Amino acid sequence: MPFNFTFLSNEWKAWFDGYYVATHLRYIGLLSGVATAYLTVYKSDETKAFFEKRSGAIFVLSILAVILIIITSFTPVGEWAPMKSSIFSNLSIHVGKWYEILVRPVFSVSVAFIITACIYGNNVIINGIKTFLSSKFFYPIAQVSYSAYLFHEMFIIWSVPKLYAYLTPNYSNPQIFFITTFLSLVAILLASVIMYYLIEQPFQKIRDRIKFN
C-alpha cells in the first residue's frame, strides 16, 4: 500500500505496478464503457423496458450508485505523498488491499449505471442528476476536459508531495487531502483553459481547414 511510501520509490513503484496500472486492473472500467455503449446502440428497447419494469429496484440502485461514487471519489488514501496514517491504518491490511482492488471497478460500474439510468430511468434521484448534469455550468468544463485530462496527472505528481510537506505541520491528513484536492482542481482548470485557447482551438481550426479544403 502506498500510504507510507515515498513517491517514486521502489516500494511505491511496486504498489503502482501491482495494484494500479496493469491491464486486468483497468479491464472492468473499459468493459463498463463498452457495455453501456452496446446497450444504448444495440439493445435500446430492451434496456428501456428493463428500467420501466423495475422502477423500485432502479431507485434503490440509483441511491447506491451515487453513494459509491461519492465514497470512491473522496476517500483520502494518500496515493501521491507519504502519509503518517490513512483511514486504513487501524484496519487489517486486507481491507486496504481489497479497497485498492475494487475501487476502480466499483466506481466505473456505478458511473456506467448512472449514465444508463439517465438515458432510460425516471425517478427522483435520476431526474435530479439529469437536471444537475444538464446545467449550462458544465458546458465550459466539458470544453476544457480533454486539456484537463492531459495536464492533471503530471501536475498532481509534482504538486501533491510538495503541498503535503508544506501543510503537514498544521493540518491533519483528511484536511490536507481536501485542501490539495481543491487547489489541484483550481490549478488544473486554469491550466486547461490556457491549453484550450492556445493549443486545442488553433489545432481544431487547422483540422477544419484541412478537412474542408
N, C-alpha and C. Protein backbone atom coordinates (compact mmCIF):
# COMPACT_ATOMS: atom_id res chain seq x y z
N MET A 1 0.85 -1.20 0.00
CA MET A 1 0.00 0.00 0.00
C MET A 1 0.87 1.24 0.00
N PRO A 2 0.40 2.33 -0.59
CA PRO A 2 1.27 3.49 -0.81
C PRO A 2 1.32 4.48 0.34
N PHE A 3 0.61 4.24 1.44
CA PHE A 3 0.40 5.31 2.40
C PHE A 3 1.69 5.85 3.01
N ASN A 4 2.63 4.98 3.31
CA ASN A 4 3.87 5.43 3.94
C ASN A 4 5.06 5.37 2.99
N PHE A 5 4.80 5.27 1.71
CA PHE A 5 5.87 5.17 0.73
C PHE A 5 6.22 6.54 0.17
N THR A 6 7.49 6.77 -0.05
CA THR A 6 7.92 7.98 -0.73
C THR A 6 7.59 7.85 -2.21
N PHE A 7 7.03 8.89 -2.77
CA PHE A 7 6.60 8.86 -4.17
C PHE A 7 7.77 8.53 -5.09
N LEU A 8 7.54 7.58 -6.00
CA LEU A 8 8.51 7.10 -6.98
C LEU A 8 9.64 6.26 -6.37
N SER A 9 9.51 5.89 -5.09
CA SER A 9 10.47 4.96 -4.51
C SER A 9 10.19 3.56 -5.05
N ASN A 10 11.09 2.62 -4.80
CA ASN A 10 10.89 1.25 -5.27
C ASN A 10 9.62 0.63 -4.70
N GLU A 11 9.33 0.94 -3.42
CA GLU A 11 8.12 0.41 -2.79
C GLU A 11 6.87 0.98 -3.45
N TRP A 12 6.91 2.28 -3.73
CA TRP A 12 5.76 2.91 -4.38
C TRP A 12 5.56 2.34 -5.79
N LYS A 13 6.64 2.16 -6.53
CA LYS A 13 6.53 1.61 -7.89
C LYS A 13 5.98 0.19 -7.86
N ALA A 14 6.39 -0.58 -6.84
CA ALA A 14 5.87 -1.96 -6.72
C ALA A 14 4.36 -1.93 -6.50
N TRP A 15 3.89 -1.02 -5.63
CA TRP A 15 2.45 -0.88 -5.43
C TRP A 15 1.76 -0.43 -6.71
N PHE A 16 2.33 0.55 -7.38
CA PHE A 16 1.73 1.11 -8.59
C PHE A 16 1.57 0.04 -9.67
N ASP A 17 2.61 -0.78 -9.85
CA ASP A 17 2.55 -1.83 -10.85
C ASP A 17 1.59 -2.95 -10.44
N GLY A 18 1.54 -3.23 -9.14
CA GLY A 18 0.76 -4.37 -8.67
C GLY A 18 -0.72 -4.11 -8.51
N TYR A 19 -1.08 -2.83 -8.23
CA TYR A 19 -2.48 -2.55 -7.90
C TYR A 19 -3.12 -1.46 -8.75
N TYR A 20 -2.36 -0.85 -9.65
CA TYR A 20 -2.90 0.35 -10.27
C TYR A 20 -2.91 0.32 -11.80
N VAL A 21 -1.79 -0.09 -12.42
CA VAL A 21 -1.60 0.21 -13.83
C VAL A 21 -1.84 -0.98 -14.76
N ALA A 22 -1.84 -2.20 -14.24
CA ALA A 22 -1.93 -3.38 -15.09
C ALA A 22 -3.28 -3.45 -15.83
N THR A 23 -3.26 -4.05 -17.02
CA THR A 23 -4.44 -4.10 -17.88
C THR A 23 -5.63 -4.75 -17.18
N HIS A 24 -5.39 -5.86 -16.48
CA HIS A 24 -6.52 -6.56 -15.84
C HIS A 24 -7.17 -5.73 -14.74
N LEU A 25 -6.43 -4.74 -14.20
CA LEU A 25 -7.00 -3.85 -13.19
C LEU A 25 -7.84 -2.74 -13.82
N ARG A 26 -7.66 -2.50 -15.11
CA ARG A 26 -8.42 -1.48 -15.83
C ARG A 26 -9.54 -2.09 -16.66
N TYR A 27 -9.57 -3.40 -16.77
CA TYR A 27 -10.45 -4.05 -17.73
C TYR A 27 -11.93 -3.81 -17.41
N ILE A 28 -12.30 -3.86 -16.14
CA ILE A 28 -13.72 -3.70 -15.79
C ILE A 28 -14.19 -2.28 -16.13
N GLY A 29 -13.32 -1.29 -15.92
CA GLY A 29 -13.68 0.07 -16.28
C GLY A 29 -13.91 0.20 -17.78
N LEU A 30 -13.00 -0.37 -18.58
CA LEU A 30 -13.16 -0.33 -20.04
C LEU A 30 -14.41 -1.10 -20.47
N LEU A 31 -14.61 -2.26 -19.87
CA LEU A 31 -15.76 -3.09 -20.23
C LEU A 31 -17.08 -2.40 -19.85
N SER A 32 -17.10 -1.65 -18.76
CA SER A 32 -18.30 -0.92 -18.36
C SER A 32 -18.70 0.10 -19.42
N GLY A 33 -17.71 0.80 -19.97
CA GLY A 33 -18.00 1.76 -21.03
C GLY A 33 -18.49 1.08 -22.30
N VAL A 34 -17.85 -0.03 -22.66
CA VAL A 34 -18.28 -0.78 -23.85
C VAL A 34 -19.70 -1.32 -23.66
N ALA A 35 -20.00 -1.86 -22.48
CA ALA A 35 -21.32 -2.42 -22.21
C ALA A 35 -22.40 -1.34 -22.27
N THR A 36 -22.09 -0.17 -21.71
CA THR A 36 -23.05 0.94 -21.74
C THR A 36 -23.34 1.36 -23.17
N ALA A 37 -22.30 1.47 -23.98
CA ALA A 37 -22.47 1.84 -25.39
C ALA A 37 -23.25 0.76 -26.13
N TYR A 38 -22.94 -0.51 -25.87
CA TYR A 38 -23.63 -1.61 -26.54
C TYR A 38 -25.13 -1.60 -26.23
N LEU A 39 -25.48 -1.44 -24.95
CA LEU A 39 -26.89 -1.42 -24.57
C LEU A 39 -27.64 -0.27 -25.23
N THR A 40 -26.96 0.88 -25.35
CA THR A 40 -27.60 2.06 -25.93
C THR A 40 -27.77 1.93 -27.44
N VAL A 41 -26.78 1.36 -28.11
CA VAL A 41 -26.81 1.28 -29.57
C VAL A 41 -27.61 0.08 -30.07
N TYR A 42 -27.41 -1.08 -29.44
CA TYR A 42 -27.98 -2.31 -29.98
C TYR A 42 -29.16 -2.88 -29.18
N LYS A 43 -29.29 -2.47 -27.91
CA LYS A 43 -30.35 -3.03 -27.07
C LYS A 43 -31.17 -1.92 -26.41
N SER A 44 -31.43 -0.89 -27.15
CA SER A 44 -32.10 0.27 -26.58
C SER A 44 -33.51 -0.06 -26.08
N ASP A 45 -34.30 -0.76 -26.87
CA ASP A 45 -35.68 -1.08 -26.48
C ASP A 45 -35.71 -2.00 -25.27
N GLU A 46 -34.85 -3.02 -25.29
CA GLU A 46 -34.81 -3.96 -24.15
C GLU A 46 -34.37 -3.26 -22.87
N THR A 47 -33.38 -2.37 -22.99
CA THR A 47 -32.89 -1.66 -21.81
C THR A 47 -33.96 -0.73 -21.26
N LYS A 48 -34.66 -0.05 -22.14
CA LYS A 48 -35.75 0.83 -21.72
C LYS A 48 -36.83 0.04 -20.98
N ALA A 49 -37.21 -1.11 -21.53
CA ALA A 49 -38.21 -1.95 -20.88
C ALA A 49 -37.74 -2.44 -19.52
N PHE A 50 -36.46 -2.79 -19.42
CA PHE A 50 -35.89 -3.24 -18.15
C PHE A 50 -36.03 -2.16 -17.08
N PHE A 51 -35.70 -0.93 -17.43
CA PHE A 51 -35.77 0.16 -16.46
C PHE A 51 -37.21 0.50 -16.10
N GLU A 52 -38.13 0.35 -17.04
CA GLU A 52 -39.54 0.66 -16.76
C GLU A 52 -40.18 -0.39 -15.85
N LYS A 53 -39.82 -1.66 -16.03
CA LYS A 53 -40.43 -2.74 -15.26
C LYS A 53 -39.88 -2.84 -13.84
N ARG A 54 -38.69 -2.33 -13.62
CA ARG A 54 -38.04 -2.49 -12.32
C ARG A 54 -37.75 -1.14 -11.69
N SER A 55 -38.74 -0.29 -11.66
CA SER A 55 -38.55 1.08 -11.18
C SER A 55 -38.12 1.13 -9.71
N GLY A 56 -38.67 0.23 -8.88
CA GLY A 56 -38.30 0.21 -7.46
C GLY A 56 -36.84 -0.17 -7.26
N ALA A 57 -36.41 -1.22 -7.94
CA ALA A 57 -35.02 -1.65 -7.83
C ALA A 57 -34.07 -0.60 -8.42
N ILE A 58 -34.48 0.04 -9.50
CA ILE A 58 -33.66 1.07 -10.12
C ILE A 58 -33.48 2.25 -9.17
N PHE A 59 -34.54 2.60 -8.43
CA PHE A 59 -34.45 3.70 -7.46
C PHE A 59 -33.41 3.38 -6.38
N VAL A 60 -33.46 2.16 -5.85
CA VAL A 60 -32.51 1.75 -4.81
C VAL A 60 -31.09 1.73 -5.37
N LEU A 61 -30.92 1.17 -6.57
CA LEU A 61 -29.59 1.11 -7.19
C LEU A 61 -29.07 2.51 -7.52
N SER A 62 -29.95 3.43 -7.84
CA SER A 62 -29.53 4.81 -8.12
C SER A 62 -28.93 5.45 -6.88
N ILE A 63 -29.59 5.27 -5.75
CA ILE A 63 -29.07 5.79 -4.49
C ILE A 63 -27.72 5.16 -4.17
N LEU A 64 -27.65 3.83 -4.31
CA LEU A 64 -26.41 3.10 -4.02
C LEU A 64 -25.28 3.57 -4.93
N ALA A 65 -25.55 3.76 -6.21
CA ALA A 65 -24.52 4.18 -7.16
C ALA A 65 -23.99 5.56 -6.80
N VAL A 66 -24.88 6.48 -6.44
CA VAL A 66 -24.44 7.83 -6.06
C VAL A 66 -23.56 7.78 -4.81
N ILE A 67 -23.97 6.98 -3.82
CA ILE A 67 -23.19 6.85 -2.59
C ILE A 67 -21.81 6.29 -2.89
N LEU A 68 -21.74 5.25 -3.73
CA LEU A 68 -20.46 4.63 -4.07
C LEU A 68 -19.56 5.58 -4.83
N ILE A 69 -20.12 6.37 -5.73
CA ILE A 69 -19.32 7.35 -6.47
C ILE A 69 -18.73 8.39 -5.52
N ILE A 70 -19.54 8.85 -4.58
CA ILE A 70 -19.06 9.85 -3.62
C ILE A 70 -17.95 9.26 -2.74
N ILE A 71 -18.17 8.05 -2.24
CA ILE A 71 -17.19 7.41 -1.35
C ILE A 71 -15.87 7.18 -2.09
N THR A 72 -15.95 6.63 -3.30
CA THR A 72 -14.71 6.32 -4.03
C THR A 72 -14.03 7.56 -4.57
N SER A 73 -14.77 8.65 -4.72
CA SER A 73 -14.17 9.89 -5.22
C SER A 73 -13.49 10.70 -4.12
N PHE A 74 -13.96 10.57 -2.90
CA PHE A 74 -13.48 11.44 -1.84
C PHE A 74 -12.90 10.68 -0.65
N THR A 75 -12.35 9.50 -0.91
CA THR A 75 -11.68 8.76 0.16
C THR A 75 -10.22 9.15 0.20
N PRO A 76 -9.78 9.84 1.26
CA PRO A 76 -8.37 10.24 1.33
C PRO A 76 -7.48 9.07 1.70
N VAL A 77 -6.80 8.51 0.69
CA VAL A 77 -5.98 7.33 0.95
C VAL A 77 -4.49 7.60 0.87
N GLY A 78 -4.08 8.71 0.28
CA GLY A 78 -2.67 9.05 0.25
C GLY A 78 -1.87 8.31 -0.77
N GLU A 79 -2.22 8.44 -2.04
CA GLU A 79 -1.52 7.70 -3.07
C GLU A 79 -0.32 8.45 -3.64
N TRP A 80 -0.27 9.76 -3.46
CA TRP A 80 0.76 10.55 -4.14
C TRP A 80 1.77 11.16 -3.18
N ALA A 81 1.57 11.02 -1.89
CA ALA A 81 2.52 11.57 -0.92
C ALA A 81 2.58 10.63 0.28
N PRO A 82 3.75 10.48 0.89
CA PRO A 82 3.84 9.62 2.08
C PRO A 82 3.07 10.23 3.24
N MET A 83 2.14 9.47 3.81
CA MET A 83 1.31 9.96 4.90
C MET A 83 1.61 9.17 6.17
N LYS A 84 1.55 9.84 7.30
CA LYS A 84 1.81 9.17 8.57
C LYS A 84 0.73 8.15 8.88
N SER A 85 -0.48 8.41 8.41
CA SER A 85 -1.57 7.48 8.63
C SER A 85 -2.62 7.67 7.54
N SER A 86 -3.50 6.71 7.40
CA SER A 86 -4.60 6.82 6.46
C SER A 86 -5.85 6.27 7.13
N ILE A 87 -6.97 6.30 6.43
CA ILE A 87 -8.20 5.77 7.01
C ILE A 87 -8.12 4.26 7.22
N PHE A 88 -7.13 3.60 6.60
CA PHE A 88 -6.99 2.16 6.71
C PHE A 88 -5.93 1.74 7.74
N SER A 89 -5.27 2.70 8.35
CA SER A 89 -4.11 2.38 9.19
C SER A 89 -4.44 1.46 10.35
N ASN A 90 -5.63 1.61 10.93
CA ASN A 90 -6.00 0.81 12.09
C ASN A 90 -6.82 -0.43 11.73
N LEU A 91 -6.91 -0.70 10.44
CA LEU A 91 -7.66 -1.86 9.97
C LEU A 91 -6.70 -2.95 9.49
N SER A 92 -7.24 -4.11 9.25
CA SER A 92 -6.44 -5.19 8.68
C SER A 92 -5.89 -4.76 7.33
N ILE A 93 -4.67 -5.20 7.03
CA ILE A 93 -4.05 -4.85 5.76
C ILE A 93 -4.90 -5.33 4.57
N HIS A 94 -5.69 -6.38 4.79
CA HIS A 94 -6.52 -6.93 3.72
C HIS A 94 -7.64 -5.95 3.33
N VAL A 95 -8.11 -5.13 4.28
CA VAL A 95 -9.14 -4.14 3.96
C VAL A 95 -8.61 -3.14 2.94
N GLY A 96 -7.40 -2.65 3.19
CA GLY A 96 -6.79 -1.70 2.27
C GLY A 96 -6.51 -2.32 0.91
N LYS A 97 -6.07 -3.57 0.91
CA LYS A 97 -5.79 -4.24 -0.36
C LYS A 97 -7.06 -4.43 -1.19
N TRP A 98 -8.13 -4.87 -0.52
CA TRP A 98 -9.38 -5.06 -1.25
C TRP A 98 -9.94 -3.73 -1.73
N TYR A 99 -9.73 -2.68 -0.95
CA TYR A 99 -10.17 -1.36 -1.42
C TYR A 99 -9.44 -0.99 -2.71
N GLU A 100 -8.13 -1.18 -2.73
CA GLU A 100 -7.35 -0.84 -3.92
C GLU A 100 -7.78 -1.68 -5.13
N ILE A 101 -8.11 -2.93 -4.89
CA ILE A 101 -8.50 -3.82 -5.97
C ILE A 101 -9.87 -3.44 -6.52
N LEU A 102 -10.80 -3.04 -5.65
CA LEU A 102 -12.19 -2.85 -6.05
C LEU A 102 -12.58 -1.41 -6.36
N VAL A 103 -11.78 -0.43 -5.93
CA VAL A 103 -12.24 0.95 -6.00
C VAL A 103 -12.50 1.39 -7.44
N ARG A 104 -11.65 1.05 -8.38
CA ARG A 104 -11.87 1.49 -9.77
C ARG A 104 -13.01 0.73 -10.44
N PRO A 105 -13.10 -0.61 -10.29
CA PRO A 105 -14.26 -1.31 -10.85
C PRO A 105 -15.59 -0.81 -10.28
N VAL A 106 -15.65 -0.61 -8.97
CA VAL A 106 -16.90 -0.13 -8.35
C VAL A 106 -17.27 1.25 -8.87
N PHE A 107 -16.28 2.14 -8.96
CA PHE A 107 -16.53 3.48 -9.48
C PHE A 107 -17.02 3.41 -10.94
N SER A 108 -16.35 2.60 -11.76
CA SER A 108 -16.69 2.51 -13.18
C SER A 108 -18.10 1.96 -13.39
N VAL A 109 -18.43 0.89 -12.68
CA VAL A 109 -19.75 0.28 -12.83
C VAL A 109 -20.83 1.25 -12.33
N SER A 110 -20.55 1.97 -11.26
CA SER A 110 -21.52 2.94 -10.72
C SER A 110 -21.78 4.06 -11.72
N VAL A 111 -20.71 4.58 -12.31
CA VAL A 111 -20.87 5.64 -13.31
C VAL A 111 -21.62 5.12 -14.53
N ALA A 112 -21.28 3.91 -14.98
CA ALA A 112 -21.97 3.32 -16.13
C ALA A 112 -23.46 3.17 -15.85
N PHE A 113 -23.79 2.74 -14.63
CA PHE A 113 -25.20 2.60 -14.27
C PHE A 113 -25.91 3.95 -14.28
N ILE A 114 -25.26 4.97 -13.71
CA ILE A 114 -25.88 6.30 -13.66
C ILE A 114 -26.10 6.84 -15.07
N ILE A 115 -25.13 6.66 -15.96
CA ILE A 115 -25.28 7.11 -17.35
C ILE A 115 -26.47 6.41 -18.01
N THR A 116 -26.54 5.09 -17.86
CA THR A 116 -27.64 4.33 -18.45
C THR A 116 -28.98 4.73 -17.84
N ALA A 117 -29.00 4.93 -16.53
CA ALA A 117 -30.23 5.33 -15.86
C ALA A 117 -30.69 6.72 -16.29
N CYS A 118 -29.74 7.60 -16.56
CA CYS A 118 -30.10 8.94 -17.03
C CYS A 118 -30.75 8.88 -18.42
N ILE A 119 -30.37 7.89 -19.21
CA ILE A 119 -30.96 7.73 -20.55
C ILE A 119 -32.33 7.09 -20.47
N TYR A 120 -32.48 6.08 -19.61
CA TYR A 120 -33.70 5.27 -19.62
C TYR A 120 -34.52 5.36 -18.33
N GLY A 121 -33.94 5.84 -17.25
CA GLY A 121 -34.62 5.83 -15.97
C GLY A 121 -35.48 7.06 -15.74
N ASN A 122 -36.34 6.96 -14.71
CA ASN A 122 -37.23 8.07 -14.38
C ASN A 122 -37.63 7.97 -12.92
N ASN A 123 -36.77 8.49 -12.05
CA ASN A 123 -37.13 8.58 -10.64
C ASN A 123 -36.53 9.86 -10.07
N VAL A 124 -36.82 10.12 -8.82
CA VAL A 124 -36.42 11.39 -8.21
C VAL A 124 -34.90 11.57 -8.27
N ILE A 125 -34.16 10.52 -7.95
CA ILE A 125 -32.70 10.59 -7.93
C ILE A 125 -32.16 10.86 -9.34
N ILE A 126 -32.59 10.06 -10.29
CA ILE A 126 -32.08 10.17 -11.65
C ILE A 126 -32.50 11.49 -12.29
N ASN A 127 -33.74 11.90 -12.08
CA ASN A 127 -34.18 13.18 -12.64
C ASN A 127 -33.38 14.34 -12.06
N GLY A 128 -33.05 14.25 -10.77
CA GLY A 128 -32.22 15.27 -10.15
C GLY A 128 -30.83 15.30 -10.75
N ILE A 129 -30.26 14.11 -11.00
CA ILE A 129 -28.93 14.02 -11.61
C ILE A 129 -28.97 14.59 -13.03
N LYS A 130 -30.02 14.25 -13.80
CA LYS A 130 -30.14 14.76 -15.16
C LYS A 130 -30.23 16.29 -15.17
N THR A 131 -31.00 16.83 -14.25
CA THR A 131 -31.11 18.29 -14.16
C THR A 131 -29.77 18.90 -13.80
N PHE A 132 -29.08 18.27 -12.86
CA PHE A 132 -27.77 18.78 -12.42
C PHE A 132 -26.75 18.73 -13.55
N LEU A 133 -26.67 17.58 -14.23
CA LEU A 133 -25.68 17.42 -15.29
C LEU A 133 -26.03 18.21 -16.55
N SER A 134 -27.30 18.60 -16.70
CA SER A 134 -27.72 19.39 -17.86
C SER A 134 -27.47 20.88 -17.67
N SER A 135 -26.98 21.25 -16.49
CA SER A 135 -26.74 22.67 -16.21
C SER A 135 -25.72 23.25 -17.19
N LYS A 136 -25.97 24.48 -17.61
CA LYS A 136 -25.05 25.15 -18.53
C LYS A 136 -23.68 25.38 -17.88
N PHE A 137 -23.63 25.29 -16.56
CA PHE A 137 -22.38 25.45 -15.84
C PHE A 137 -21.32 24.46 -16.32
N PHE A 138 -21.77 23.25 -16.74
CA PHE A 138 -20.82 22.20 -17.12
C PHE A 138 -20.31 22.34 -18.55
N TYR A 139 -20.96 23.17 -19.36
CA TYR A 139 -20.55 23.27 -20.76
C TYR A 139 -19.10 23.73 -20.92
N PRO A 140 -18.69 24.83 -20.27
CA PRO A 140 -17.28 25.22 -20.41
C PRO A 140 -16.32 24.20 -19.81
N ILE A 141 -16.75 23.49 -18.76
CA ILE A 141 -15.90 22.45 -18.18
C ILE A 141 -15.71 21.32 -19.19
N ALA A 142 -16.79 20.96 -19.89
CA ALA A 142 -16.71 19.92 -20.91
C ALA A 142 -15.76 20.34 -22.03
N GLN A 143 -15.77 21.62 -22.38
CA GLN A 143 -14.90 22.10 -23.45
C GLN A 143 -13.42 21.92 -23.11
N VAL A 144 -13.07 22.12 -21.85
CA VAL A 144 -11.65 22.04 -21.47
C VAL A 144 -11.29 20.69 -20.84
N SER A 145 -12.22 19.75 -20.86
CA SER A 145 -12.00 18.49 -20.15
C SER A 145 -10.83 17.69 -20.72
N TYR A 146 -10.65 17.71 -22.03
CA TYR A 146 -9.54 16.93 -22.60
C TYR A 146 -8.20 17.54 -22.22
N SER A 147 -8.10 18.86 -22.27
CA SER A 147 -6.87 19.51 -21.82
C SER A 147 -6.61 19.23 -20.35
N ALA A 148 -7.67 19.22 -19.55
CA ALA A 148 -7.53 18.90 -18.13
C ALA A 148 -7.04 17.47 -17.95
N TYR A 149 -7.55 16.57 -18.76
CA TYR A 149 -7.13 15.16 -18.70
C TYR A 149 -5.63 15.03 -18.99
N LEU A 150 -5.16 15.77 -19.99
CA LEU A 150 -3.74 15.69 -20.36
C LEU A 150 -2.83 16.27 -19.28
N PHE A 151 -3.32 17.30 -18.60
CA PHE A 151 -2.48 18.05 -17.67
C PHE A 151 -2.51 17.51 -16.24
N HIS A 152 -3.64 16.92 -15.82
CA HIS A 152 -3.88 16.75 -14.39
C HIS A 152 -2.87 15.84 -13.70
N GLU A 153 -2.53 14.71 -14.32
CA GLU A 153 -1.70 13.75 -13.59
C GLU A 153 -0.29 14.27 -13.36
N MET A 154 0.32 14.86 -14.39
CA MET A 154 1.69 15.35 -14.18
C MET A 154 1.71 16.49 -13.17
N PHE A 155 0.63 17.29 -13.13
CA PHE A 155 0.58 18.35 -12.13
C PHE A 155 0.43 17.78 -10.72
N ILE A 156 -0.45 16.80 -10.56
CA ILE A 156 -0.66 16.20 -9.24
C ILE A 156 0.61 15.50 -8.76
N ILE A 157 1.27 14.77 -9.67
CA ILE A 157 2.51 14.09 -9.30
C ILE A 157 3.55 15.09 -8.80
N TRP A 158 3.59 16.27 -9.41
CA TRP A 158 4.56 17.29 -8.99
C TRP A 158 4.12 18.04 -7.75
N SER A 159 2.85 18.39 -7.64
CA SER A 159 2.39 19.33 -6.61
C SER A 159 2.03 18.69 -5.27
N VAL A 160 1.38 17.53 -5.31
CA VAL A 160 0.85 16.96 -4.06
C VAL A 160 1.94 16.67 -3.03
N PRO A 161 3.06 16.03 -3.40
CA PRO A 161 4.10 15.83 -2.37
C PRO A 161 4.60 17.14 -1.77
N LYS A 162 4.72 18.18 -2.58
CA LYS A 162 5.18 19.48 -2.07
C LYS A 162 4.15 20.10 -1.15
N LEU A 163 2.88 20.05 -1.54
CA LEU A 163 1.82 20.59 -0.69
C LEU A 163 1.71 19.81 0.60
N TYR A 164 1.86 18.49 0.51
CA TYR A 164 1.78 17.66 1.71
C TYR A 164 2.88 18.04 2.70
N ALA A 165 4.10 18.19 2.21
CA ALA A 165 5.22 18.55 3.08
C ALA A 165 5.00 19.93 3.71
N TYR A 166 4.42 20.84 2.96
CA TYR A 166 4.20 22.20 3.46
C TYR A 166 3.07 22.25 4.49
N LEU A 167 2.01 21.45 4.28
CA LEU A 167 0.82 21.52 5.13
C LEU A 167 0.88 20.60 6.35
N THR A 168 1.75 19.59 6.32
CA THR A 168 1.77 18.57 7.36
C THR A 168 1.85 19.11 8.79
N PRO A 169 2.68 20.12 9.09
CA PRO A 169 2.79 20.54 10.49
C PRO A 169 1.49 21.08 11.09
N ASN A 170 0.61 21.62 10.27
CA ASN A 170 -0.55 22.34 10.81
C ASN A 170 -1.90 21.69 10.51
N TYR A 171 -1.93 20.64 9.69
CA TYR A 171 -3.22 20.07 9.29
C TYR A 171 -3.19 18.55 9.38
N SER A 172 -4.37 17.97 9.59
CA SER A 172 -4.49 16.51 9.61
C SER A 172 -4.48 15.98 8.18
N ASN A 173 -4.31 14.67 8.05
CA ASN A 173 -4.29 14.07 6.72
C ASN A 173 -5.58 14.30 5.92
N PRO A 174 -6.78 14.11 6.53
CA PRO A 174 -8.01 14.41 5.77
C PRO A 174 -8.09 15.87 5.34
N GLN A 175 -7.68 16.80 6.20
CA GLN A 175 -7.69 18.21 5.83
C GLN A 175 -6.73 18.48 4.67
N ILE A 176 -5.56 17.86 4.73
CA ILE A 176 -4.59 18.02 3.65
C ILE A 176 -5.16 17.48 2.35
N PHE A 177 -5.86 16.35 2.43
CA PHE A 177 -6.46 15.76 1.23
C PHE A 177 -7.42 16.75 0.56
N PHE A 178 -8.33 17.33 1.33
CA PHE A 178 -9.32 18.23 0.75
C PHE A 178 -8.70 19.55 0.29
N ILE A 179 -7.70 20.03 1.01
CA ILE A 179 -7.02 21.26 0.59
C ILE A 179 -6.29 21.04 -0.73
N THR A 180 -5.53 19.94 -0.81
CA THR A 180 -4.79 19.68 -2.05
C THR A 180 -5.74 19.39 -3.21
N THR A 181 -6.86 18.73 -2.92
CA THR A 181 -7.85 18.47 -3.98
C THR A 181 -8.40 19.78 -4.53
N PHE A 182 -8.76 20.70 -3.63
CA PHE A 182 -9.31 21.99 -4.06
C PHE A 182 -8.28 22.78 -4.87
N LEU A 183 -7.07 22.88 -4.34
CA LEU A 183 -6.03 23.65 -5.04
C LEU A 183 -5.69 23.01 -6.39
N SER A 184 -5.67 21.68 -6.43
CA SER A 184 -5.38 20.99 -7.69
C SER A 184 -6.47 21.25 -8.73
N LEU A 185 -7.73 21.21 -8.30
CA LEU A 185 -8.83 21.48 -9.22
C LEU A 185 -8.73 22.88 -9.82
N VAL A 186 -8.45 23.85 -8.97
CA VAL A 186 -8.33 25.23 -9.45
C VAL A 186 -7.19 25.35 -10.44
N ALA A 187 -6.02 24.82 -10.08
CA ALA A 187 -4.84 24.92 -10.96
C ALA A 187 -5.06 24.18 -12.27
N ILE A 188 -5.66 23.00 -12.19
CA ILE A 188 -5.88 22.20 -13.40
C ILE A 188 -6.87 22.89 -14.33
N LEU A 189 -7.94 23.47 -13.78
CA LEU A 189 -8.91 24.18 -14.63
C LEU A 189 -8.28 25.40 -15.28
N LEU A 190 -7.48 26.14 -14.54
CA LEU A 190 -6.82 27.32 -15.12
C LEU A 190 -5.87 26.90 -16.24
N ALA A 191 -5.07 25.88 -15.98
CA ALA A 191 -4.12 25.40 -17.00
C ALA A 191 -4.84 24.86 -18.22
N SER A 192 -5.94 24.15 -18.00
CA SER A 192 -6.67 23.57 -19.14
C SER A 192 -7.33 24.64 -19.99
N VAL A 193 -7.77 25.73 -19.37
CA VAL A 193 -8.33 26.85 -20.14
C VAL A 193 -7.25 27.45 -21.05
N ILE A 194 -6.07 27.64 -20.48
CA ILE A 194 -4.95 28.18 -21.28
C ILE A 194 -4.60 27.23 -22.42
N MET A 195 -4.52 25.93 -22.12
CA MET A 195 -4.21 24.94 -23.15
C MET A 195 -5.30 24.90 -24.23
N TYR A 196 -6.54 25.07 -23.81
CA TYR A 196 -7.65 25.02 -24.76
C TYR A 196 -7.55 26.16 -25.78
N TYR A 197 -7.28 27.37 -25.29
CA TYR A 197 -7.26 28.52 -26.18
C TYR A 197 -5.96 28.64 -26.98
N LEU A 198 -4.83 28.20 -26.39
CA LEU A 198 -3.55 28.37 -27.07
C LEU A 198 -3.13 27.16 -27.90
N ILE A 199 -3.66 25.97 -27.57
CA ILE A 199 -3.24 24.76 -28.28
C ILE A 199 -4.43 24.07 -28.97
N GLU A 200 -5.45 23.74 -28.19
CA GLU A 200 -6.52 22.92 -28.73
C GLU A 200 -7.31 23.63 -29.83
N GLN A 201 -7.77 24.86 -29.55
CA GLN A 201 -8.56 25.58 -30.55
C GLN A 201 -7.78 25.86 -31.83
N PRO A 202 -6.52 26.36 -31.77
CA PRO A 202 -5.78 26.58 -33.01
C PRO A 202 -5.64 25.32 -33.86
N PHE A 203 -5.38 24.17 -33.22
CA PHE A 203 -5.25 22.94 -33.98
C PHE A 203 -6.60 22.45 -34.52
N GLN A 204 -7.69 22.73 -33.80
CA GLN A 204 -9.01 22.41 -34.33
C GLN A 204 -9.30 23.22 -35.59
N LYS A 205 -8.89 24.49 -35.61
CA LYS A 205 -9.09 25.32 -36.79
C LYS A 205 -8.26 24.83 -37.96
N ILE A 206 -7.03 24.40 -37.67
CA ILE A 206 -6.19 23.82 -38.73
C ILE A 206 -6.84 22.55 -39.28
N ARG A 207 -7.35 21.72 -38.39
CA ARG A 207 -8.03 20.48 -38.82
C ARG A 207 -9.22 20.80 -39.72
N ASP A 208 -10.01 21.80 -39.32
CA ASP A 208 -11.20 22.14 -40.11
C ASP A 208 -10.82 22.67 -41.49
N ARG A 209 -9.74 23.46 -41.55
CA ARG A 209 -9.32 23.99 -42.86
C ARG A 209 -8.84 22.85 -43.76
N ILE A 210 -8.11 21.90 -43.19
CA ILE A 210 -7.62 20.76 -43.98
C ILE A 210 -8.82 19.90 -44.45
N LYS A 211 -9.78 19.69 -43.55
CA LYS A 211 -10.91 18.83 -43.85
C LYS A 211 -11.79 19.41 -44.96
N PHE A 212 -12.00 20.72 -44.94
CA PHE A 212 -12.88 21.33 -45.92
C PHE A 212 -12.17 21.73 -47.20
N ASN A 213 -10.84 21.71 -47.20
CA ASN A 213 -10.11 22.02 -48.42
C ASN A 213 -9.77 20.74 -49.19
